[in-house]
Amino acid sequence: IEGQTDRFELVLDESFEHLSSDHTSLIVKVRS
């Protein structure tokens, strides 16, 4: 992406913990 700024805009860059029990809050961020 850093070499293709005319093609992509990174609007979310978020980590999550491996083997999380609930991903709802993460997906709410994706929706936003």
ModelCIF file with pLDDT and N, C-alpha, C, O atoms, coordinates in Angstrom:
data_MODEL
#
_entry.id   MODEL 
#
_entity.id                         1 
_entity.type                       polymer 
_entity.pdbx_number_of_molecules   1 
#
_entity_poly.entity_id                      1 
_entity_poly.type                           'polypeptide(L)' 
_entity_poly.nstd_linkage                   no 
_entity_poly.nstd_monomer                   no 
_entity_poly.pdbx_seq_one_letter_code       IEGQTDRFELVLDESFEHLSSDHTSLIVKVRS 
_entity_poly.pdbx_seq_one_letter_code_can   IEGQTDRFELVLDESFEHLSSDHTSLIVKVRS 
_entity_poly.pdbx_strand_id                 A 
#
loop_
_entity_poly_seq.entity_id 
_entity_poly_seq.num 
_entity_poly_seq.mon_id 
_entity_poly_seq.hetero 
1 1  ILE n 
1 2  GLU n 
1 3  GLY n 
1 4  GLN n 
1 5  THR n 
1 6  ASP n 
1 7  ARG n 
1 8  PHE n 
1 9  GLU n 
1 10 LEU n 
1 11 VAL n 
1 12 LEU n 
1 13 ASP n 
1 14 GLU n 
1 15 SER n 
1 16 PHE n 
1 17 GLU n 
1 18 HIS n 
1 19 LEU n 
1 20 SER n 
1 21 SER n 
1 22 ASP n 
1 23 HIS n 
1 24 THR n 
1 25 SER n 
1 26 LEU n 
1 27 ILE n 
1 28 VAL n 
1 29 LYS n 
1 30 VAL n 
1 31 ARG n 
1 32 SER n 
#
_struct_asym.id          A 
_struct_asym.entity_id   1 
#
loop_
_ma_qa_metric.id 
_ma_qa_metric.mode 
_ma_qa_metric.name 
_ma_qa_metric.software_group_id 
_ma_qa_metric.type 
1 global pLDDT . pLDDT 
2 local  pLDDT . pLDDT 
#
_ma_qa_metric_global.metric_id      1 
_ma_qa_metric_global.metric_value   96.25 
_ma_qa_metric_global.model_id       1 
_ma_qa_metric_global.ordinal_id     1 
#
loop_
_ma_qa_metric_local.label_asym_id 
_ma_qa_metric_local.label_comp_id 
_ma_qa_metric_local.label_seq_id 
_ma_qa_metric_local.metric_id 
_ma_qa_metric_local.metric_value 
_ma_qa_metric_local.model_id 
_ma_qa_metric_local.ordinal_id 
A ILE 1  2 97.00 1 1  
A GLU 2  2 96.00 1 2  
A GLY 3  2 94.00 1 3  
A GLN 4  2 97.00 1 4  
A THR 5  2 95.00 1 5  
A ASP 6  2 97.00 1 6  
A ARG 7  2 98.00 1 7  
A PHE 8  2 98.00 1 8  
A GLU 9  2 98.00 1 9  
A LEU 10 2 98.00 1 10 
A VAL 11 2 98.00 1 11 
A LEU 12 2 98.00 1 12 
A ASP 13 2 98.00 1 13 
A GLU 14 2 98.00 1 14 
A SER 15 2 97.00 1 15 
A PHE 16 2 97.00 1 16 
A GLU 17 2 96.00 1 17 
A HIS 18 2 90.00 1 18 
A LEU 19 2 87.00 1 19 
A SER 20 2 92.00 1 20 
A SER 21 2 92.00 1 21 
A ASP 22 2 94.00 1 22 
A HIS 23 2 96.00 1 23 
A THR 24 2 97.00 1 24 
A SER 25 2 97.00 1 25 
A LEU 26 2 98.00 1 26 
A ILE 27 2 98.00 1 27 
A VAL 28 2 98.00 1 28 
A LYS 29 2 98.00 1 29 
A VAL 30 2 98.00 1 30 
A ARG 31 2 97.00 1 31 
A SER 32 2 98.00 1 32 
#
loop_
_atom_site.group_PDB 
_atom_site.id 
_atom_site.type_symbol 
_atom_site.label_atom_id 
_atom_site.label_alt_id 
_atom_site.label_comp_id 
_atom_site.label_asym_id 
_atom_site.label_entity_id 
_atom_site.label_seq_id 
_atom_site.pdbx_PDB_ins_code 
_atom_site.Cartn_x 
_atom_site.Cartn_y 
_atom_site.Cartn_z 
_atom_site.occupancy 
_atom_site.B_iso_or_equiv 
_atom_site.pdbx_formal_charge 
_atom_site.auth_seq_id 
_atom_site.auth_comp_id 
_atom_site.auth_asym_id 
_atom_site.auth_atom_id 
_atom_site.pdbx_PDB_model_num 
ATOM 1   N N  . ILE A 1 1  ? 0.817   -1.216  0.000  1.00 97.00 ? 1  ILE A N  1 
ATOM 2   C CA . ILE A 1 1  ? 0.000   0.000   0.000  1.00 97.00 ? 1  ILE A CA 1 
ATOM 3   C C  . ILE A 1 1  ? 0.850   1.265   0.000  1.00 97.00 ? 1  ILE A C  1 
ATOM 4   O O  . ILE A 1 1  ? 0.495   2.250   -0.648 1.00 97.00 ? 1  ILE A O  1 
ATOM 5   N N  . GLU A 1 2  ? 1.969   1.246   0.722  1.00 96.00 ? 2  GLU A N  1 
ATOM 6   C CA . GLU A 1 2  ? 2.796   2.447   0.781  1.00 96.00 ? 2  GLU A CA 1 
ATOM 7   C C  . GLU A 1 2  ? 3.398   2.813   -0.566 1.00 96.00 ? 2  GLU A C  1 
ATOM 8   O O  . GLU A 1 2  ? 3.773   3.964   -0.786 1.00 96.00 ? 2  GLU A O  1 
ATOM 9   N N  . GLY A 1 3  ? 3.494   1.844   -1.466 1.00 94.00 ? 3  GLY A N  1 
ATOM 10  C CA . GLY A 1 3  ? 3.979   2.132   -2.802 1.00 94.00 ? 3  GLY A CA 1 
ATOM 11  C C  . GLY A 1 3  ? 2.875   2.302   -3.832 1.00 94.00 ? 3  GLY A C  1 
ATOM 12  O O  . GLY A 1 3  ? 3.156   2.494   -5.015 1.00 94.00 ? 3  GLY A O  1 
ATOM 13  N N  . GLN A 1 4  ? 1.607   2.232   -3.391 1.00 97.00 ? 4  GLN A N  1 
ATOM 14  C CA . GLN A 1 4  ? 0.469   2.292   -4.306 1.00 97.00 ? 4  GLN A CA 1 
ATOM 15  C C  . GLN A 1 4  ? -0.600  3.223   -3.744 1.00 97.00 ? 4  GLN A C  1 
ATOM 16  O O  . GLN A 1 4  ? -1.763  2.839   -3.621 1.00 97.00 ? 4  GLN A O  1 
ATOM 17  N N  . THR A 1 5  ? -0.201  4.448   -3.403 1.00 95.00 ? 5  THR A N  1 
ATOM 18  C CA . THR A 1 5  ? -1.134  5.370   -2.740 1.00 95.00 ? 5  THR A CA 1 
ATOM 19  C C  . THR A 1 5  ? -2.269  5.810   -3.662 1.00 95.00 ? 5  THR A C  1 
ATOM 20  O O  . THR A 1 5  ? -3.309  6.262   -3.183 1.00 95.00 ? 5  THR A O  1 
ATOM 21  N N  . ASP A 1 6  ? -2.086  5.685   -4.979 1.00 97.00 ? 6  ASP A N  1 
ATOM 22  C CA . ASP A 1 6  ? -3.169  6.021   -5.901 1.00 97.00 ? 6  ASP A CA 1 
ATOM 23  C C  . ASP A 1 6  ? -4.208  4.913   -5.980 1.00 97.00 ? 6  ASP A C  1 
ATOM 24  O O  . ASP A 1 6  ? -5.316  5.121   -6.474 1.00 97.00 ? 6  ASP A O  1 
ATOM 25  N N  . ARG A 1 7  ? -3.834  3.709   -5.477 1.00 98.00 ? 7  ARG A N  1 
ATOM 26  C CA . ARG A 1 7  ? -4.735  2.559   -5.565 1.00 98.00 ? 7  ARG A CA 1 
ATOM 27  C C  . ARG A 1 7  ? -5.436  2.229   -4.254 1.00 98.00 ? 7  ARG A C  1 
ATOM 28  O O  . ARG A 1 7  ? -6.553  1.711   -4.265 1.00 98.00 ? 7  ARG A O  1 
ATOM 29  N N  . PHE A 1 8  ? -4.790  2.526   -3.114 1.00 98.00 ? 8  PHE A N  1 
ATOM 30  C CA . PHE A 1 8  ? -5.314  2.099   -1.815 1.00 98.00 ? 8  PHE A CA 1 
ATOM 31  C C  . PHE A 1 8  ? -5.277  3.227   -0.791 1.00 98.00 ? 8  PHE A C  1 
ATOM 32  O O  . PHE A 1 8  ? -4.393  4.084   -0.811 1.00 98.00 ? 8  PHE A O  1 
ATOM 33  N N  . GLU A 1 9  ? -6.251  3.204   0.094  1.00 98.00 ? 9  GLU A N  1 
ATOM 34  C CA . GLU A 1 9  ? -6.252  4.050   1.281  1.00 98.00 ? 9  GLU A CA 1 
ATOM 35  C C  . GLU A 1 9  ? -6.534  3.147   2.484  1.00 98.00 ? 9  GLU A C  1 
ATOM 36  O O  . GLU A 1 9  ? -7.605  2.547   2.579  1.00 98.00 ? 9  GLU A O  1 
ATOM 37  N N  . LEU A 1 10 ? -5.579  3.056   3.391  1.00 98.00 ? 10 LEU A N  1 
ATOM 38  C CA . LEU A 1 10 ? -5.750  2.204   4.568  1.00 98.00 ? 10 LEU A CA 1 
ATOM 39  C C  . LEU A 1 10 ? -6.504  2.993   5.634  1.00 98.00 ? 10 LEU A C  1 
ATOM 40  O O  . LEU A 1 10 ? -5.967  3.936   6.216  1.00 98.00 ? 10 LEU A O  1 
ATOM 41  N N  . VAL A 1 11 ? -7.755  2.601   5.886  1.00 98.00 ? 11 VAL A N  1 
ATOM 42  C CA . VAL A 1 11 ? -8.616  3.372   6.788  1.00 98.00 ? 11 VAL A CA 1 
ATOM 43  C C  . VAL A 1 11 ? -8.735  2.730   8.171  1.00 98.00 ? 11 VAL A C  1 
ATOM 44  O O  . VAL A 1 11 ? -9.266  3.355   9.089  1.00 98.00 ? 11 VAL A O  1 
ATOM 45  N N  . LEU A 1 12 ? -8.254  1.500   8.337  1.00 98.00 ? 12 LEU A N  1 
ATOM 46  C CA . LEU A 1 12 ? -8.234  0.855   9.653  1.00 98.00 ? 12 LEU A CA 1 
ATOM 47  C C  . LEU A 1 12 ? -7.051  -0.107  9.708  1.00 98.00 ? 12 LEU A C  1 
ATOM 48  O O  . LEU A 1 12 ? -6.844  -0.908  8.797  1.00 98.00 ? 12 LEU A O  1 
ATOM 49  N N  . ASP A 1 13 ? -6.294  -0.019  10.769 1.00 98.00 ? 13 ASP A N  1 
ATOM 50  C CA . ASP A 1 13 ? -5.125  -0.876  10.985 1.00 98.00 ? 13 ASP A CA 1 
ATOM 51  C C  . ASP A 1 13 ? -5.152  -1.259  12.461 1.00 98.00 ? 13 ASP A C  1 
ATOM 52  O O  . ASP A 1 13 ? -4.601  -0.547  13.300 1.00 98.00 ? 13 ASP A O  1 
ATOM 53  N N  . GLU A 1 14 ? -5.793  -2.383  12.776 1.00 98.00 ? 14 GLU A N  1 
ATOM 54  C CA . GLU A 1 14 ? -6.125  -2.715  14.168 1.00 98.00 ? 14 GLU A CA 1 
ATOM 55  C C  . GLU A 1 14 ? -5.703  -4.148  14.492 1.00 98.00 ? 14 GLU A C  1 
ATOM 56  O O  . GLU A 1 14 ? -5.915  -5.062  13.695 1.00 98.00 ? 14 GLU A O  1 
ATOM 57  N N  . SER A 1 15 ? -5.106  -4.333  15.664 1.00 97.00 ? 15 SER A N  1 
ATOM 58  C CA . SER A 1 15 ? -4.723  -5.678  16.100 1.00 97.00 ? 15 SER A CA 1 
ATOM 59  C C  . SER A 1 15 ? -5.796  -6.279  17.006 1.00 97.00 ? 15 SER A C  1 
ATOM 60  O O  . SER A 1 15 ? -6.633  -5.564  17.557 1.00 97.00 ? 15 SER A O  1 
ATOM 61  N N  . PHE A 1 16 ? -5.756  -7.610  17.150 1.00 97.00 ? 16 PHE A N  1 
ATOM 62  C CA . PHE A 1 16 ? -6.608  -8.305  18.105 1.00 97.00 ? 16 PHE A CA 1 
ATOM 63  C C  . PHE A 1 16 ? -5.804  -9.446  18.703 1.00 97.00 ? 16 PHE A C  1 
ATOM 64  O O  . PHE A 1 16 ? -4.821  -9.889  18.108 1.00 97.00 ? 16 PHE A O  1 
ATOM 65  N N  . GLU A 1 17 ? -6.202  -9.921  19.853 1.00 96.00 ? 17 GLU A N  1 
ATOM 66  C CA . GLU A 1 17 ? -5.495  -10.999 20.522 1.00 96.00 ? 17 GLU A CA 1 
ATOM 67  C C  . GLU A 1 17 ? -5.890  -12.350 19.931 1.00 96.00 ? 17 GLU A C  1 
ATOM 68  O O  . GLU A 1 17 ? -7.069  -12.630 19.714 1.00 96.00 ? 17 GLU A O  1 
ATOM 69  N N  . HIS A 1 18 ? -4.891  -13.170 19.680 1.00 90.00 ? 18 HIS A N  1 
ATOM 70  C CA . HIS A 1 18 ? -5.123  -14.522 19.164 1.00 90.00 ? 18 HIS A CA 1 
ATOM 71  C C  . HIS A 1 18 ? -5.967  -15.312 20.148 1.00 90.00 ? 18 HIS A C  1 
ATOM 72  O O  . HIS A 1 18 ? -5.747  -15.240 21.357 1.00 90.00 ? 18 HIS A O  1 
ATOM 73  N N  . LEU A 1 19 ? -6.938  -16.071 19.634 1.00 87.00 ? 19 LEU A N  1 
ATOM 74  C CA . LEU A 1 19 ? -7.887  -16.874 20.414 1.00 87.00 ? 19 LEU A CA 1 
ATOM 75  C C  . LEU A 1 19 ? -8.774  -16.002 21.301 1.00 87.00 ? 19 LEU A C  1 
ATOM 76  O O  . LEU A 1 19 ? -9.106  -16.373 22.427 1.00 87.00 ? 19 LEU A O  1 
ATOM 77  N N  . SER A 1 20 ? -9.148  -14.848 20.777 1.00 92.00 ? 20 SER A N  1 
ATOM 78  C CA . SER A 1 20 ? -10.114 -13.995 21.479 1.00 92.00 ? 20 SER A CA 1 
ATOM 79  C C  . SER A 1 20 ? -11.465 -14.697 21.540 1.00 92.00 ? 20 SER A C  1 
ATOM 80  O O  . SER A 1 20 ? -11.829 -15.453 20.640 1.00 92.00 ? 20 SER A O  1 
ATOM 81  N N  . SER A 1 21 ? -12.198 -14.435 22.613 1.00 92.00 ? 21 SER A N  1 
ATOM 82  C CA . SER A 1 21 ? -13.501 -15.081 22.776 1.00 92.00 ? 21 SER A CA 1 
ATOM 83  C C  . SER A 1 21 ? -14.635 -14.286 22.139 1.00 92.00 ? 21 SER A C  1 
ATOM 84  O O  . SER A 1 21 ? -15.714 -14.828 21.899 1.00 92.00 ? 21 SER A O  1 
ATOM 85  N N  . ASP A 1 22 ? -14.398 -12.994 21.860 1.00 94.00 ? 22 ASP A N  1 
ATOM 86  C CA . ASP A 1 22 ? -15.452 -12.152 21.299 1.00 94.00 ? 22 ASP A CA 1 
ATOM 87  C C  . ASP A 1 22 ? -14.820 -11.121 20.361 1.00 94.00 ? 22 ASP A C  1 
ATOM 88  O O  . ASP A 1 22 ? -13.921 -10.373 20.748 1.00 94.00 ? 22 ASP A O  1 
ATOM 89  N N  . HIS A 1 23 ? -15.311 -11.100 19.121 1.00 96.00 ? 23 HIS A N  1 
ATOM 90  C CA . HIS A 1 23 ? -14.770 -10.170 18.130 1.00 96.00 ? 23 HIS A CA 1 
ATOM 91  C C  . HIS A 1 23 ? -15.764 -9.075  17.763 1.00 96.00 ? 23 HIS A C  1 
ATOM 92  O O  . HIS A 1 23 ? -15.543 -8.344  16.798 1.00 96.00 ? 23 HIS A O  1 
ATOM 93  N N  . THR A 1 24 ? -16.845 -8.949  18.509 1.00 97.00 ? 24 THR A N  1 
ATOM 94  C CA . THR A 1 24 ? -17.895 -8.004  18.134 1.00 97.00 ? 24 THR A CA 1 
ATOM 95  C C  . THR A 1 24 ? -17.392 -6.569  18.124 1.00 97.00 ? 24 THR A C  1 
ATOM 96  O O  . THR A 1 24 ? -17.646 -5.829  17.173 1.00 97.00 ? 24 THR A O  1 
ATOM 97  N N  . SER A 1 25 ? -16.679 -6.166  19.177 1.00 97.00 ? 25 SER A N  1 
ATOM 98  C CA . SER A 1 25 ? -16.212 -4.781  19.234 1.00 97.00 ? 25 SER A CA 1 
ATOM 99  C C  . SER A 1 25 ? -15.255 -4.461  18.103 1.00 97.00 ? 25 SER A C  1 
ATOM 100 O O  . SER A 1 25 ? -15.256 -3.345  17.581 1.00 97.00 ? 25 SER A O  1 
ATOM 101 N N  . LEU A 1 26 ? -14.438 -5.432  17.719 1.00 98.00 ? 26 LEU A N  1 
ATOM 102 C CA . LEU A 1 26 ? -13.511 -5.243  16.601 1.00 98.00 ? 26 LEU A CA 1 
ATOM 103 C C  . LEU A 1 26 ? -14.285 -5.027  15.299 1.00 98.00 ? 26 LEU A C  1 
ATOM 104 O O  . LEU A 1 26 ? -13.956 -4.136  14.517 1.00 98.00 ? 26 LEU A O  1 
ATOM 105 N N  . ILE A 1 27 ? -15.308 -5.842  15.074 1.00 98.00 ? 27 ILE A N  1 
ATOM 106 C CA . ILE A 1 27 ? -16.083 -5.729  13.844 1.00 98.00 ? 27 ILE A CA 1 
ATOM 107 C C  . ILE A 1 27 ? -16.906 -4.449  13.828 1.00 98.00 ? 27 ILE A C  1 
ATOM 108 O O  . ILE A 1 27 ? -17.156 -3.894  12.758 1.00 98.00 ? 27 ILE A O  1 
ATOM 109 N N  . VAL A 1 28 ? -17.325 -3.979  14.974 1.00 98.00 ? 28 VAL A N  1 
ATOM 110 C CA . VAL A 1 28 ? -18.012 -2.674  15.036 1.00 98.00 ? 28 VAL A CA 1 
ATOM 111 C C  . VAL A 1 28 ? -17.073 -1.569  14.543 1.00 98.00 ? 28 VAL A C  1 
ATOM 112 O O  . VAL A 1 28 ? -17.508 -0.653  13.846 1.00 98.00 ? 28 VAL A O  1 
ATOM 113 N N  . LYS A 1 29 ? -15.798 -1.649  14.899 1.00 98.00 ? 29 LYS A N  1 
ATOM 114 C CA . LYS A 1 29 ? -14.821 -0.675  14.389 1.00 98.00 ? 29 LYS A CA 1 
ATOM 115 C C  . LYS A 1 29 ? -14.697 -0.777  12.875 1.00 98.00 ? 29 LYS A C  1 
ATOM 116 O O  . LYS A 1 29 ? -14.595 0.238   12.186 1.00 98.00 ? 29 LYS A O  1 
ATOM 117 N N  . VAL A 1 30 ? -14.706 -2.001  12.361 1.00 98.00 ? 30 VAL A N  1 
ATOM 118 C CA . VAL A 1 30 ? -14.644 -2.198  10.916 1.00 98.00 ? 30 VAL A CA 1 
ATOM 119 C C  . VAL A 1 30 ? -15.845 -1.528  10.253 1.00 98.00 ? 30 VAL A C  1 
ATOM 120 O O  . VAL A 1 30 ? -15.700 -0.862  9.228  1.00 98.00 ? 30 VAL A O  1 
ATOM 121 N N  . ARG A 1 31 ? -17.009 -1.702  10.827 1.00 97.00 ? 31 ARG A N  1 
ATOM 122 C CA . ARG A 1 31 ? -18.217 -1.096  10.258 1.00 97.00 ? 31 ARG A CA 1 
ATOM 123 C C  . ARG A 1 31 ? -18.136 0.423   10.259 1.00 97.00 ? 31 ARG A C  1 
ATOM 124 O O  . ARG A 1 31 ? -18.626 1.075   9.338  1.00 97.00 ? 31 ARG A O  1 
ATOM 125 N N  . SER A 1 32 ? -17.519 0.986   11.290 1.00 98.00 ? 32 SER A N  1 
ATOM 126 C CA . SER A 1 32 ? -17.514 2.449   11.462 1.00 98.00 ? 32 SER A CA 1 
ATOM 127 C C  . SER A 1 32 ? -16.671 3.175   10.418 1.00 98.00 ? 32 SER A C  1 
ATOM 128 O O  . SER A 1 32 ? -16.579 4.402   10.444 1.00 98.00 ? 32 SER A O  1 
#
